[in-house]
Amino acid sequence: MVPNELSQNKIKEIVDRIVGIAHPNRIILFGSYARGEMRPNSDVDLLVIKGGKYNYYRLLGD
């Protein structure tokens, strides 16, 4: 594991939190984590797809 690399469990926690708040149609992981090419300074790229109207400020959370 690369230092500072997020575990699959941590990414799942992040996705679960997004699902609990935003109820998206789909979440797509892309970028270096999706390719398995993450480095110590890599971020996690998630595309959240949600149809309909939403309250932007509610999605921001606390």
C-alpha atoms as a PDB file:
ATOM      1  CA  MET A   1       0.000   0.000   0.000  1.00  0.00           C
ATOM      2  CA  VAL A   2       1.283   3.456  -0.929  1.00  0.00           C
ATOM      3  CA  PRO A   3       1.660   5.810   2.075  1.00  0.00           C
ATOM      4  CA  ASN A   4      -1.497   7.921   2.519  1.00  0.00           C
ATOM      5  CA  GLU A   5      -3.398   5.601   0.162  1.00  0.00           C
ATOM      6  CA  LEU A   6      -7.069   5.310   1.027  1.00  0.00           C
ATOM      7  CA  SER A   7      -8.215   1.757   1.622  1.00  0.00           C
ATOM      8  CA  GLN A   8     -11.153   0.294  -0.274  1.00  0.00           C
ATOM      9  CA  ASN A   9     -13.055   0.347   3.028  1.00  0.00           C
ATOM     10  CA  LYS A  10     -12.473   4.096   3.436  1.00  0.00           C
ATOM     11  CA  ILE A  11     -13.601   4.775  -0.138  1.00  0.00           C
ATOM     12  CA  LYS A  12     -16.709   2.668   0.550  1.00  0.00           C
ATOM     13  CA  GLU A  13     -17.391   4.786   3.663  1.00  0.00           C
ATOM     14  CA  ILE A  14     -17.174   7.937   1.537  1.00  0.00           C
ATOM     15  CA  VAL A  15     -19.496   6.465  -1.102  1.00  0.00           C
ATOM     16  CA  ASP A  16     -21.952   5.286   1.579  1.00  0.00           C
ATOM     17  CA  ARG A  17     -22.066   8.801   3.045  1.00  0.00           C
ATOM     18  CA  ILE A  18     -22.760  10.302  -0.386  1.00  0.00           C
ATOM     19  CA  VAL A  19     -25.525   7.738  -0.951  1.00  0.00           C
ATOM     20  CA  GLY A  20     -27.049   8.495   2.455  1.00  0.00           C
ATOM     21  CA  ILE A  21     -27.140  12.232   1.804  1.00  0.00           C
ATOM     22  CA  ALA A  22     -27.670  12.618  -1.946  1.00  0.00           C
ATOM     23  CA  HIS A  23     -29.354   9.332  -3.014  1.00  0.00           C
ATOM     24  CA  PRO A  24     -27.645   9.470  -6.419  1.00  0.00           C
ATOM     25  CA  ASN A  25     -28.561   7.377  -9.442  1.00  0.00           C
ATOM     26  CA  ARG A  26     -24.940   6.341  -9.843  1.00  0.00           C
ATOM     27  CA  ILE A  27     -21.460   6.966  -8.462  1.00  0.00           C
ATOM     28  CA  ILE A  28     -18.462   6.343 -10.699  1.00  0.00           C
ATOM     29  CA  LEU A  29     -14.887   6.037  -9.449  1.00  0.00           C
ATOM     30  CA  PHE A  30     -12.389   7.245 -12.050  1.00  0.00           C
ATOM     31  CA  GLY A  31      -8.812   8.430 -12.246  1.00  0.00           C
ATOM     32  CA  SER A  32      -5.740   6.894 -10.650  1.00  0.00           C
ATOM     33  CA  TYR A  33      -7.646   4.975  -7.948  1.00  0.00           C
ATOM     34  CA  ALA A  34      -9.896   3.353 -10.553  1.00  0.00           C
ATOM     35  CA  ARG A  35      -6.845   2.335 -12.569  1.00  0.00           C
ATOM     36  CA  GLY A  36      -4.926   1.128  -9.515  1.00  0.00           C
ATOM     37  CA  GLU A  37      -2.187   3.700 -10.217  1.00  0.00           C
ATOM     38  CA  MET A  38      -2.567   5.886  -7.121  1.00  0.00           C
ATOM     39  CA  ARG A  39       0.395   7.740  -5.652  1.00  0.00           C
ATOM     40  CA  PRO A  40       0.915   9.283  -2.199  1.00  0.00           C
ATOM     41  CA  ASN A  41      -0.544  12.608  -3.359  1.00  0.00           C
ATOM     42  CA  SER A  42      -3.455  11.148  -5.353  1.00  0.00           C
ATOM     43  CA  ASP A  43      -6.990  12.242  -4.663  1.00  0.00           C
ATOM     44  CA  VAL A  44     -10.110  10.141  -5.135  1.00  0.00           C
ATOM     45  CA  ASP A  45     -12.169  11.088  -8.183  1.00  0.00           C
ATOM     46  CA  LEU A  46     -15.875  10.350  -7.874  1.00  0.00           C
ATOM     47  CA  LEU A  47     -18.547  11.329 -10.389  1.00  0.00           C
ATOM     48  CA  VAL A  48     -21.937  11.582  -8.674  1.00  0.00           C
ATOM     49  CA  ILE A  49     -24.915  11.407 -11.037  1.00  0.00           C
ATOM     50  CA  LYS A  50     -28.269  12.552  -9.726  1.00  0.00           C
ATOM     51  CA  GLY A  51     -31.379  13.427 -11.681  1.00  0.00           C
ATOM     52  CA  GLY A  52     -34.063  15.920 -10.814  1.00  0.00           C
ATOM     53  CA  LYS A  53     -33.939  18.905  -8.515  1.00  0.00           C
ATOM     54  CA  TYR A  54     -31.742  19.058  -5.458  1.00  0.00           C
ATOM     55  CA  ASN A  55     -30.783  21.465  -2.721  1.00  0.00           C
ATOM     56  CA  TYR A  56     -27.106  22.278  -3.271  1.00  0.00           C
ATOM     57  CA  TYR A  57     -26.599  23.462   0.313  1.00  0.00           C
ATOM     58  CA  ARG A  58     -28.121  20.278   1.768  1.00  0.00           C
ATOM     59  CA  LEU A  59     -25.704  18.200  -0.297  1.00  0.00           C
ATOM     60  CA  LEU A  60     -22.772  20.138   1.173  1.00  0.00           C
ATOM     61  CA  GLY A  61     -23.717  18.837   4.619  1.00  0.00           C
ATOM     62  CA  ASP A  62     -22.139  19.960   7.858  1.00  0.00           C
END
